């Protein structure tokens, strides 16, 4: 479960950096997320398969969402009816 929580936190950080247009190039972005460039591109490909509109903008030197695309992240984990984790947004 901790691995999944780490992946969720990484996705939230990725989303925030893209929204703020502060990713840098693919090498810098991968470093900020604590992963290799190949893993970053695999994750971007998976997101694109889900319909996320994302591309690298040379002028901004950042990955950006296209066409006003917004990614909203929400999750809730409950164990025996008791909420253990709640995360919304960025």
N, C-alpha and C. Protein backbone atom coordinates (compact mmCIF):
# COMPACT_ATOMS: atom_id res chain seq x y z
N UNK A 1 0.83 -1.19 0.00
CA UNK A 1 0.00 0.00 0.00
C UNK A 1 0.87 1.26 0.00
N UNK A 2 2.00 1.23 0.69
CA UNK A 2 2.87 2.40 0.73
C UNK A 2 3.41 2.76 -0.65
N UNK A 3 3.68 1.74 -1.46
CA UNK A 3 4.17 1.99 -2.82
C UNK A 3 3.11 2.77 -3.60
N UNK A 4 1.85 2.38 -3.46
CA UNK A 4 0.77 3.07 -4.15
C UNK A 4 0.62 4.51 -3.64
N UNK A 5 0.79 4.70 -2.33
CA UNK A 5 0.71 6.05 -1.78
C UNK A 5 1.84 6.92 -2.30
N UNK A 6 3.04 6.34 -2.42
CA UNK A 6 4.17 7.07 -2.98
C UNK A 6 3.90 7.44 -4.43
N UNK A 7 3.30 6.53 -5.19
CA UNK A 7 2.96 6.81 -6.58
C UNK A 7 1.92 7.92 -6.67
N UNK A 8 0.98 7.91 -5.76
CA UNK A 8 -0.05 8.96 -5.74
C UNK A 8 0.58 10.31 -5.42
N UNK A 9 1.47 10.35 -4.45
CA UNK A 9 2.15 11.60 -4.10
C UNK A 9 2.99 12.10 -5.28
N UNK A 10 3.63 11.19 -5.98
CA UNK A 10 4.43 11.56 -7.15
C UNK A 10 3.53 12.13 -8.25
N UNK A 11 2.37 11.52 -8.46
CA UNK A 11 1.43 12.01 -9.46
C UNK A 11 0.92 13.40 -9.08
N UNK A 12 0.65 13.62 -7.81
CA UNK A 12 0.20 14.94 -7.35
C UNK A 12 1.29 15.99 -7.59
N UNK A 13 2.54 15.64 -7.30
CA UNK A 13 3.65 16.56 -7.51
C UNK A 13 3.83 16.84 -9.00
N UNK A 14 3.72 15.80 -9.81
CA UNK A 14 3.82 15.94 -11.25
C UNK A 14 2.76 16.91 -11.76
N UNK A 15 1.55 16.72 -11.32
CA UNK A 15 0.43 17.57 -11.72
C UNK A 15 0.69 19.03 -11.32
N UNK A 16 1.16 19.24 -10.10
CA UNK A 16 1.42 20.61 -9.62
C UNK A 16 2.50 21.28 -10.46
N UNK A 17 3.59 20.56 -10.73
CA UNK A 17 4.68 21.13 -11.53
C UNK A 17 4.22 21.47 -12.95
N UNK A 18 3.40 20.62 -13.53
CA UNK A 18 2.89 20.89 -14.88
C UNK A 18 1.97 22.11 -14.85
N UNK A 19 1.06 22.16 -13.88
CA UNK A 19 0.14 23.29 -13.79
C UNK A 19 0.89 24.60 -13.59
N UNK A 20 1.96 24.57 -12.80
CA UNK A 20 2.75 25.78 -12.54
C UNK A 20 3.77 26.05 -13.65
N UNK A 21 3.85 25.14 -14.62
CA UNK A 21 4.80 25.22 -15.73
C UNK A 21 6.23 25.37 -15.22
N UNK A 22 6.58 24.51 -14.26
CA UNK A 22 7.90 24.52 -13.63
C UNK A 22 8.57 23.16 -13.69
N UNK A 23 8.32 22.41 -14.77
CA UNK A 23 8.91 21.07 -14.86
C UNK A 23 10.36 21.09 -15.31
N UNK A 24 10.72 22.07 -16.14
CA UNK A 24 12.03 22.03 -16.78
C UNK A 24 11.98 20.99 -17.90
N UNK A 25 13.16 20.65 -18.41
CA UNK A 25 13.20 19.63 -19.48
C UNK A 25 12.96 18.24 -18.88
N UNK A 26 12.97 17.24 -19.72
CA UNK A 26 12.62 15.88 -19.25
C UNK A 26 13.60 15.38 -18.18
N UNK A 27 14.87 15.70 -18.32
CA UNK A 27 15.85 15.28 -17.31
C UNK A 27 15.57 15.96 -15.97
N UNK A 28 15.34 17.27 -15.99
CA UNK A 28 15.05 18.02 -14.76
C UNK A 28 13.74 17.54 -14.13
N UNK A 29 12.74 17.32 -14.96
CA UNK A 29 11.44 16.86 -14.48
C UNK A 29 11.57 15.49 -13.81
N UNK A 30 12.28 14.59 -14.45
CA UNK A 30 12.48 13.25 -13.88
C UNK A 30 13.20 13.36 -12.53
N UNK A 31 14.21 14.22 -12.45
CA UNK A 31 14.94 14.40 -11.18
C UNK A 31 14.02 14.95 -10.10
N UNK A 32 13.18 15.91 -10.44
CA UNK A 32 12.25 16.49 -9.47
C UNK A 32 11.28 15.44 -8.93
N UNK A 33 10.98 14.45 -9.76
CA UNK A 33 10.04 13.39 -9.36
C UNK A 33 10.75 12.16 -8.80
N UNK A 34 12.08 12.16 -8.83
CA UNK A 34 12.83 11.03 -8.29
C UNK A 34 12.72 9.77 -9.13
N UNK A 35 12.73 9.95 -10.45
CA UNK A 35 12.63 8.80 -11.34
C UNK A 35 13.53 9.01 -12.55
N UNK A 36 13.72 7.96 -13.32
CA UNK A 36 14.52 8.05 -14.54
C UNK A 36 13.69 8.71 -15.65
N UNK A 37 14.37 9.19 -16.67
CA UNK A 37 13.67 9.78 -17.81
C UNK A 37 12.78 8.75 -18.50
N UNK A 38 13.26 7.51 -18.61
CA UNK A 38 12.45 6.49 -19.28
C UNK A 38 11.16 6.22 -18.49
N UNK A 39 11.26 6.19 -17.16
CA UNK A 39 10.04 6.00 -16.34
C UNK A 39 9.11 7.20 -16.48
N UNK A 40 9.69 8.41 -16.56
CA UNK A 40 8.87 9.61 -16.76
C UNK A 40 8.10 9.50 -18.07
N UNK A 41 8.79 9.13 -19.15
CA UNK A 41 8.12 9.03 -20.43
C UNK A 41 7.09 7.90 -20.45
N UNK A 42 7.34 6.83 -19.73
CA UNK A 42 6.34 5.76 -19.61
C UNK A 42 5.10 6.27 -18.89
N UNK A 43 5.30 7.05 -17.82
CA UNK A 43 4.17 7.61 -17.07
C UNK A 43 3.39 8.60 -17.94
N UNK A 44 4.10 9.44 -18.68
CA UNK A 44 3.43 10.39 -19.57
C UNK A 44 2.62 9.63 -20.64
N UNK A 45 3.18 8.55 -21.17
CA UNK A 45 2.46 7.75 -22.17
C UNK A 45 1.20 7.13 -21.56
N UNK A 46 1.30 6.64 -20.33
CA UNK A 46 0.12 6.08 -19.65
C UNK A 46 -0.96 7.15 -19.46
N UNK A 47 -0.53 8.35 -19.05
CA UNK A 47 -1.49 9.44 -18.87
C UNK A 47 -2.14 9.83 -20.18
N UNK A 48 -1.35 9.86 -21.26
CA UNK A 48 -1.91 10.17 -22.58
C UNK A 48 -2.92 9.11 -23.00
N UNK A 49 -2.64 7.85 -22.68
CA UNK A 49 -3.58 6.77 -22.99
C UNK A 49 -4.91 6.96 -22.26
N UNK A 50 -4.86 7.64 -21.12
CA UNK A 50 -6.07 7.92 -20.34
C UNK A 50 -6.77 9.20 -20.80
N UNK A 51 -6.17 9.88 -21.78
CA UNK A 51 -6.79 11.09 -22.32
C UNK A 51 -6.19 12.39 -21.83
N UNK A 52 -5.12 12.32 -21.06
CA UNK A 52 -4.46 13.54 -20.58
C UNK A 52 -3.74 14.20 -21.75
N UNK A 53 -4.00 15.48 -21.95
CA UNK A 53 -3.38 16.24 -23.03
C UNK A 53 -2.16 16.95 -22.48
N UNK A 54 -0.99 16.41 -22.77
CA UNK A 54 0.26 16.92 -22.22
C UNK A 54 1.33 16.93 -23.30
N UNK A 55 2.16 17.96 -23.28
CA UNK A 55 3.23 18.07 -24.25
C UNK A 55 4.34 18.95 -23.66
N UNK A 56 5.52 18.89 -24.26
CA UNK A 56 6.62 19.75 -23.84
C UNK A 56 6.56 21.02 -24.67
N UNK A 57 6.63 22.18 -23.99
CA UNK A 57 6.62 23.48 -24.65
C UNK A 57 8.04 24.05 -24.62
N UNK A 58 8.65 24.17 -25.80
CA UNK A 58 10.03 24.64 -25.90
C UNK A 58 10.19 26.07 -25.37
N UNK A 59 9.23 26.94 -25.65
CA UNK A 59 9.33 28.33 -25.21
C UNK A 59 9.26 28.46 -23.69
N UNK A 60 8.38 27.69 -23.08
CA UNK A 60 8.21 27.74 -21.62
C UNK A 60 9.21 26.86 -20.89
N UNK A 61 9.89 26.00 -21.65
CA UNK A 61 10.83 25.03 -21.08
C UNK A 61 10.16 24.22 -19.96
N UNK A 62 8.96 23.74 -20.29
CA UNK A 62 8.17 22.99 -19.32
C UNK A 62 7.17 22.11 -20.05
N UNK A 63 6.82 21.01 -19.42
CA UNK A 63 5.68 20.23 -19.88
C UNK A 63 4.44 21.01 -19.49
N UNK A 64 3.44 20.98 -20.34
CA UNK A 64 2.22 21.74 -20.11
C UNK A 64 1.01 20.89 -20.49
N UNK A 65 -0.13 21.22 -19.89
CA UNK A 65 -1.39 20.64 -20.33
C UNK A 65 -1.87 21.45 -21.52
N UNK A 66 -2.48 20.79 -22.49
CA UNK A 66 -2.94 21.45 -23.71
C UNK A 66 -4.44 21.71 -23.67
N UNK A 67 -4.85 22.70 -24.41
CA UNK A 67 -6.27 23.02 -24.62
C UNK A 67 -7.02 23.23 -23.31
N UNK A 68 -6.38 23.84 -22.31
CA UNK A 68 -7.04 24.10 -21.04
C UNK A 68 -7.32 22.86 -20.22
N UNK A 69 -6.64 21.75 -20.54
CA UNK A 69 -6.85 20.49 -19.82
C UNK A 69 -6.51 20.67 -18.34
N UNK A 70 -7.32 20.08 -17.48
CA UNK A 70 -7.09 20.09 -16.03
C UNK A 70 -7.16 18.66 -15.52
N UNK A 71 -6.21 18.32 -14.67
CA UNK A 71 -6.20 17.00 -14.03
C UNK A 71 -6.53 17.21 -12.57
N UNK A 72 -7.58 16.56 -12.10
CA UNK A 72 -7.98 16.65 -10.70
C UNK A 72 -7.76 15.29 -10.05
N UNK A 73 -7.07 15.28 -8.93
CA UNK A 73 -6.75 14.04 -8.24
C UNK A 73 -7.51 14.01 -6.92
N UNK A 74 -8.28 12.96 -6.73
CA UNK A 74 -9.03 12.79 -5.49
C UNK A 74 -8.89 11.35 -5.03
N UNK A 75 -8.76 11.15 -3.73
CA UNK A 75 -8.74 9.79 -3.21
C UNK A 75 -9.16 9.81 -1.75
N UNK A 76 -9.61 8.67 -1.31
CA UNK A 76 -9.99 8.51 0.07
C UNK A 76 -9.78 7.05 0.44
N UNK A 77 -9.16 6.82 1.57
CA UNK A 77 -8.93 5.45 2.04
C UNK A 77 -9.58 5.32 3.41
N UNK A 78 -10.44 4.33 3.52
CA UNK A 78 -11.11 4.06 4.80
C UNK A 78 -10.86 2.62 5.19
N UNK A 79 -10.57 2.41 6.44
CA UNK A 79 -10.40 1.07 6.99
C UNK A 79 -11.38 0.92 8.14
N UNK A 80 -12.25 -0.08 8.02
CA UNK A 80 -13.30 -0.30 9.01
C UNK A 80 -14.11 0.97 9.27
N UNK A 81 -14.39 1.69 8.19
CA UNK A 81 -15.22 2.89 8.29
C UNK A 81 -14.49 4.13 8.77
N UNK A 82 -13.23 3.99 9.18
CA UNK A 82 -12.46 5.13 9.66
C UNK A 82 -11.57 5.65 8.53
N UNK A 83 -11.71 6.94 8.24
CA UNK A 83 -10.92 7.52 7.17
C UNK A 83 -9.46 7.60 7.59
N UNK A 84 -8.60 6.98 6.77
CA UNK A 84 -7.18 6.94 7.08
C UNK A 84 -6.38 7.96 6.26
N UNK A 85 -6.86 8.26 5.07
CA UNK A 85 -6.14 9.18 4.19
C UNK A 85 -7.14 9.87 3.31
N UNK A 86 -6.99 11.16 3.17
CA UNK A 86 -7.84 11.93 2.26
C UNK A 86 -6.92 12.86 1.49
N UNK A 87 -6.96 12.79 0.21
CA UNK A 87 -6.16 13.71 -0.60
C UNK A 87 -7.00 14.22 -1.74
N UNK A 88 -6.95 15.51 -1.93
CA UNK A 88 -7.72 16.14 -2.99
C UNK A 88 -6.83 17.16 -3.68
N UNK A 89 -6.89 17.18 -4.99
CA UNK A 89 -6.24 18.24 -5.74
C UNK A 89 -4.77 18.05 -5.94
N UNK A 90 -4.06 19.14 -5.82
CA UNK A 90 -2.66 19.20 -6.19
C UNK A 90 -1.85 18.64 -5.10
